[in-house]
Amino acid sequence: MVDAPALHRTAIVTGGSRGIGREIVLSLLRSGTEVWYLSRSEGTPADALCETAGVPLGMAHWVGCDMGNAESVEQALDTVLAQTKRVDILVNNAGITRDGLIMRMKDEAWEEVLRVNLTGAFLTCRKLSRIMASQRSGSIVNISSVVGIMGNGGQTNYAASKAGLIGFSKSLARELSGRSVRVNVVAPGFIETDMTDVLPDAVKDGLKTQIPLGRIGTAREVADAVAFFTSDAASYITGQVLAIDGGMAM
């Protein structure tokens, strides 16, 4: 993992209560970053995350937020900004799936996935990019998916949201580059999470046959990519998409 500089940094992570988001929070904490994580439920308590990461209590803070509700997002960000005026890192990780063939997909399934996965990121970036631009520094990492690169049957809504996030991020990178704010994308493939844990072994074995490296990835491997993009080691990188997928989308 790439360590951050010794300077105090602050980060906001959406969807940070479990899975990949929780691991991103832990990775940023280990780098010495103070983290506010936004989610509908707290999951692991903030103090427990600090203990797991081996950092002082008070470095992690949970703020309740429904990323599918614009008013909730605005209120959550205002809560964070009331405690810190500086935001060095934004990670848009919150995302949902409502899978189904398009012939049977209801309007609500399409709209909810786009609202949470894409519009949620738009809302956080719109508000926080102003602060980062004023600071003339900052790093935004948006979590897409290999599905947004290569597509997947039964996930037209999810693929659209994740592909849209890539185009959104590249455009935002061009807008903010003059203010030394970097925007990059991490696109995970099949990753070990609560959702994949419940899959039958036969299904997991079938997934592995699609992956050149022959295994499912870990949330820590995705978090390490995020840590890299937010570190000084990536100071000359913006507008890029890094697939953490074992070669699946190459």
Protein backbone atom coordinates (compact mmCIF):
# COMPACT_ATOMS: atom_id res chain seq x y z
CA MET A 1 0.00 0.00 0.00
CA VAL A 2 1.16 3.52 -0.82
CA ASP A 3 1.53 5.68 2.27
CA ALA A 4 0.36 9.28 2.26
CA PRO A 5 2.54 12.20 3.28
CA ALA A 6 2.67 13.03 6.97
CA LEU A 7 0.41 16.09 6.50
CA HIS A 8 -3.06 15.89 8.04
CA ARG A 9 -5.63 15.10 5.38
CA THR A 10 -9.39 14.80 5.45
CA ALA A 11 -11.54 12.50 3.34
CA ILE A 12 -15.21 11.82 2.63
CA VAL A 13 -16.16 8.30 1.55
CA THR A 14 -19.70 7.46 0.45
CA GLY A 15 -20.98 3.95 1.05
CA GLY A 16 -18.23 3.43 3.60
CA SER A 17 -19.98 1.18 6.11
CA ARG A 18 -19.25 -2.23 4.60
CA GLY A 19 -17.54 -4.19 1.85
CA ILE A 20 -15.22 -2.26 -0.43
CA GLY A 21 -16.20 1.05 1.14
CA ARG A 22 -15.27 -0.11 4.64
CA GLU A 23 -11.88 -1.28 3.38
CA ILE A 24 -11.31 2.08 1.69
CA VAL A 25 -12.06 3.83 4.99
CA LEU A 26 -9.56 1.58 6.80
CA SER A 27 -6.90 2.15 4.15
CA LEU A 28 -7.26 5.92 4.36
CA LEU A 29 -7.20 5.80 8.16
CA ARG A 30 -3.96 3.81 8.06
CA SER A 31 -2.44 6.52 5.87
CA GLY A 32 -3.14 9.07 8.62
CA THR A 33 -6.23 10.55 6.97
CA GLU A 34 -9.23 11.68 9.00
CA VAL A 35 -12.30 10.10 7.39
CA TRP A 36 -15.99 10.92 7.33
CA TYR A 37 -17.93 8.01 5.87
CA LEU A 38 -21.49 8.39 4.64
CA SER A 39 -24.03 5.56 4.54
CA ARG A 40 -27.61 4.74 5.46
CA SER A 41 -26.48 2.60 8.42
CA GLU A 42 -23.27 2.87 10.43
CA GLY A 43 -22.13 -0.73 10.11
CA THR A 44 -18.91 -1.08 12.10
CA PRO A 45 -18.84 1.79 14.65
CA ALA A 46 -16.35 4.55 13.88
CA ASP A 47 -14.29 3.89 17.02
CA ALA A 48 -14.02 0.20 16.12
CA LEU A 49 -12.73 1.16 12.68
CA CYS A 50 -10.07 3.31 14.32
CA GLU A 51 -9.05 0.40 16.52
CA THR A 52 -8.88 -1.96 13.54
CA ALA A 53 -6.76 0.54 11.61
CA GLY A 54 -4.53 1.16 14.62
CA VAL A 55 -5.14 4.92 14.72
CA PRO A 56 -6.35 7.22 17.52
CA LEU A 57 -10.06 7.30 18.29
CA GLY A 58 -11.79 10.23 16.64
CA MET A 59 -10.11 9.80 13.26
CA ALA A 60 -13.26 8.22 11.79
CA HIS A 61 -16.74 9.72 11.80
CA TRP A 62 -20.02 8.30 10.53
CA VAL A 63 -22.72 10.51 9.01
CA GLY A 64 -26.08 9.03 8.08
CA CYS A 65 -26.97 9.61 4.44
CA ASP A 66 -29.26 8.25 1.74
CA MET A 67 -27.33 8.76 -1.50
CA GLY A 68 -30.55 8.42 -3.47
CA ASN A 69 -32.00 11.51 -1.81
CA ALA A 70 -30.55 14.87 -2.82
CA GLU A 71 -31.66 16.59 0.38
CA SER A 72 -30.05 13.87 2.50
CA VAL A 73 -26.77 14.19 0.58
CA GLU A 74 -26.77 17.98 1.01
CA GLN A 75 -27.44 17.70 4.75
CA ALA A 76 -24.75 15.05 5.24
CA LEU A 77 -22.12 17.13 3.45
CA ASP A 78 -23.11 20.21 5.44
CA THR A 79 -22.67 18.15 8.63
CA VAL A 80 -19.15 17.24 7.59
CA LEU A 81 -18.26 20.75 6.48
CA ALA A 82 -19.42 22.14 9.81
CA GLN A 83 -16.59 20.13 11.38
CA THR A 84 -13.89 20.62 8.77
CA LYS A 85 -13.60 23.31 6.14
CA ARG A 86 -10.97 21.37 4.22
CA VAL A 87 -11.63 18.28 2.10
CA ASP A 88 -8.60 16.66 0.50
CA ILE A 89 -10.16 13.42 -0.73
CA LEU A 90 -13.57 12.38 -1.99
CA VAL A 91 -14.32 8.74 -2.75
CA ASN A 92 -17.70 8.02 -4.33
CA ASN A 93 -18.19 4.35 -3.54
CA ALA A 94 -21.93 4.15 -2.79
CA GLY A 95 -23.79 1.98 -5.24
CA ILE A 96 -26.74 -0.37 -5.58
CA THR A 97 -27.96 -3.00 -8.02
CA ARG A 98 -31.50 -3.75 -9.17
CA ASP A 99 -30.81 -6.46 -11.71
CA GLY A 100 -33.20 -7.74 -14.35
CA LEU A 101 -33.65 -8.17 -18.08
CA ILE A 102 -34.58 -4.88 -19.74
CA MET A 103 -37.84 -6.33 -21.11
CA ARG A 104 -39.03 -6.75 -17.52
CA MET A 105 -37.25 -3.83 -15.88
CA LYS A 106 -39.54 -1.36 -14.16
CA ASP A 107 -38.97 2.39 -14.36
CA GLU A 108 -38.23 2.44 -10.63
CA ALA A 109 -35.37 -0.07 -10.96
CA TRP A 110 -33.77 2.02 -13.70
CA GLU A 111 -34.23 5.35 -11.97
CA GLU A 112 -33.13 4.23 -8.50
CA VAL A 113 -29.84 2.76 -9.72
CA LEU A 114 -29.01 5.86 -11.80
CA ARG A 115 -30.04 8.14 -8.92
CA VAL A 116 -27.81 6.46 -6.33
CA ASN A 117 -24.85 5.41 -8.47
CA LEU A 118 -24.51 8.38 -10.80
CA THR A 119 -26.55 11.31 -9.54
CA GLY A 120 -25.23 10.76 -6.01
CA ALA A 121 -21.68 11.19 -7.29
CA PHE A 122 -22.72 14.28 -9.24
CA LEU A 123 -24.14 15.84 -6.08
CA THR A 124 -21.04 15.23 -3.95
CA CYS A 125 -18.67 16.33 -6.71
CA ARG A 126 -20.64 19.48 -7.46
CA LYS A 127 -20.49 20.65 -3.85
CA LEU A 128 -17.00 19.52 -2.90
CA SER A 129 -15.25 20.44 -6.14
CA ARG A 130 -15.80 24.09 -5.22
CA ILE A 131 -13.88 23.58 -1.99
CA MET A 132 -11.09 21.64 -3.67
CA ALA A 133 -10.81 24.21 -6.46
CA SER A 134 -10.55 26.98 -3.86
CA GLN A 135 -7.84 24.99 -2.04
CA ARG A 136 -6.12 24.35 -5.40
CA SER A 137 -5.67 20.74 -4.36
CA GLY A 138 -7.67 17.59 -3.97
CA SER A 139 -8.23 14.06 -5.21
CA ILE A 140 -11.54 12.57 -6.28
CA VAL A 141 -11.83 8.82 -6.87
CA ASN A 142 -15.06 7.47 -8.29
CA ILE A 143 -15.72 3.75 -7.98
CA SER A 144 -17.08 2.37 -11.25
CA SER A 145 -17.08 -1.29 -12.31
CA VAL A 146 -15.78 -3.50 -15.10
CA VAL A 147 -19.47 -3.84 -15.97
CA GLY A 148 -19.32 -0.19 -17.02
CA ILE A 149 -16.48 -1.10 -19.40
CA MET A 150 -17.61 -4.42 -20.86
CA GLY A 151 -21.34 -4.65 -20.03
CA ASN A 152 -23.23 -7.52 -18.43
CA GLY A 153 -26.55 -9.09 -19.29
CA GLY A 154 -29.30 -8.32 -16.80
CA GLN A 155 -27.55 -5.16 -15.62
CA THR A 156 -28.36 -2.49 -18.19
CA ASN A 157 -29.21 -0.02 -15.44
CA TYR A 158 -26.08 -0.75 -13.39
CA ALA A 159 -23.82 -0.76 -16.46
CA ALA A 160 -25.27 2.54 -17.63
CA SER A 161 -24.64 4.12 -14.23
CA LYS A 162 -21.07 2.85 -14.04
CA ALA A 163 -20.22 3.72 -17.65
CA GLY A 164 -21.73 7.14 -17.05
CA LEU A 165 -19.49 7.55 -14.03
CA ILE A 166 -16.43 7.02 -16.23
CA GLY A 167 -17.45 9.70 -18.73
CA PHE A 168 -18.47 12.00 -15.89
CA SER A 169 -15.08 11.55 -14.20
CA LYS A 170 -13.05 12.21 -17.35
CA SER A 171 -15.01 15.38 -18.02
CA LEU A 172 -14.65 16.52 -14.41
CA ALA A 173 -10.90 15.82 -14.55
CA ARG A 174 -10.65 18.25 -17.47
CA GLU A 175 -12.69 20.88 -15.65
CA LEU A 176 -10.68 20.74 -12.42
CA SER A 177 -7.15 20.10 -13.68
CA GLY A 178 -6.37 23.82 -13.85
CA ARG A 179 -6.96 23.99 -10.10
CA SER A 180 -4.68 21.01 -9.37
CA VAL A 181 -7.61 18.77 -8.46
CA ARG A 182 -7.27 15.22 -9.79
CA VAL A 183 -10.14 12.92 -10.72
CA ASN A 184 -9.66 9.20 -11.35
CA VAL A 185 -11.73 6.03 -11.52
CA VAL A 186 -11.27 2.59 -10.00
CA ALA A 187 -13.27 -0.16 -11.72
CA PRO A 188 -13.47 -3.35 -9.65
CA GLY A 189 -14.27 -6.73 -11.15
CA PHE A 190 -15.52 -9.67 -9.08
CA ILE A 191 -14.53 -8.87 -5.51
CA GLU A 192 -15.03 -10.82 -2.27
CA THR A 193 -17.86 -9.07 -0.44
CA ASP A 194 -20.95 -10.03 1.54
CA MET A 195 -22.78 -10.48 -1.77
CA THR A 196 -20.23 -12.88 -3.27
CA ASP A 197 -19.82 -14.78 0.01
CA VAL A 198 -23.33 -16.19 -0.29
CA LEU A 199 -22.83 -17.47 -3.84
CA PRO A 200 -22.59 -21.27 -4.24
CA ASP A 201 -19.08 -22.62 -4.87
CA ALA A 202 -20.14 -23.73 -8.34
CA VAL A 203 -21.07 -20.16 -9.25
CA LYS A 204 -17.80 -18.83 -7.84
CA ASP A 205 -15.85 -21.41 -9.84
CA GLY A 206 -17.71 -20.31 -12.96
CA LEU A 207 -16.78 -16.69 -12.29
CA LYS A 208 -13.13 -17.62 -11.90
CA THR A 209 -13.05 -19.10 -15.40
CA GLN A 210 -13.73 -15.59 -16.75
CA ILE A 211 -10.77 -14.11 -14.86
CA PRO A 212 -7.26 -14.61 -16.33
CA LEU A 213 -5.67 -14.55 -12.85
CA GLY A 214 -8.09 -17.31 -11.85
CA ARG A 215 -9.39 -15.87 -8.58
CA ILE A 216 -11.83 -13.38 -7.12
CA GLY A 217 -10.26 -10.14 -5.89
CA THR A 218 -10.28 -8.74 -2.38
CA ALA A 219 -11.71 -5.47 -1.09
CA ARG A 220 -8.22 -4.60 0.21
CA GLU A 221 -6.86 -4.75 -3.34
CA VAL A 222 -9.46 -2.22 -4.46
CA ALA A 223 -8.74 -0.03 -1.44
CA ASP A 224 -5.02 -0.10 -2.21
CA ALA A 225 -5.77 1.29 -5.68
CA VAL A 226 -7.78 4.10 -4.13
CA ALA A 227 -4.94 4.78 -1.68
CA PHE A 228 -2.54 5.04 -4.63
CA PHE A 229 -4.72 7.52 -6.52
CA THR A 230 -5.06 9.71 -3.41
CA SER A 231 -1.33 9.68 -2.63
CA ASP A 232 1.52 11.86 -3.88
CA ALA A 233 2.71 8.87 -5.91
CA ALA A 234 -0.19 9.65 -8.28
CA SER A 235 0.36 13.43 -8.35
CA TYR A 236 0.71 13.44 -12.16
CA ILE A 237 -2.27 11.16 -12.85
CA THR A 238 -5.78 12.36 -13.65
CA GLY A 239 -8.66 11.23 -15.84
CA GLN A 240 -7.61 7.58 -15.70
CA VAL A 241 -9.56 4.35 -15.22
CA LEU A 242 -7.85 1.52 -13.35
CA ALA A 243 -9.57 -1.87 -13.54
CA ILE A 244 -8.97 -4.07 -10.50
CA ASP A 245 -10.29 -7.22 -12.14
CA GLY A 246 -7.59 -9.86 -12.52
CA GLY A 247 -7.45 -9.12 -16.24
CA MET A 248 -11.12 -9.80 -16.88
CA ALA A 249 -11.82 -6.70 -18.98
CA MET A 250 -8.57 -6.53 -20.92
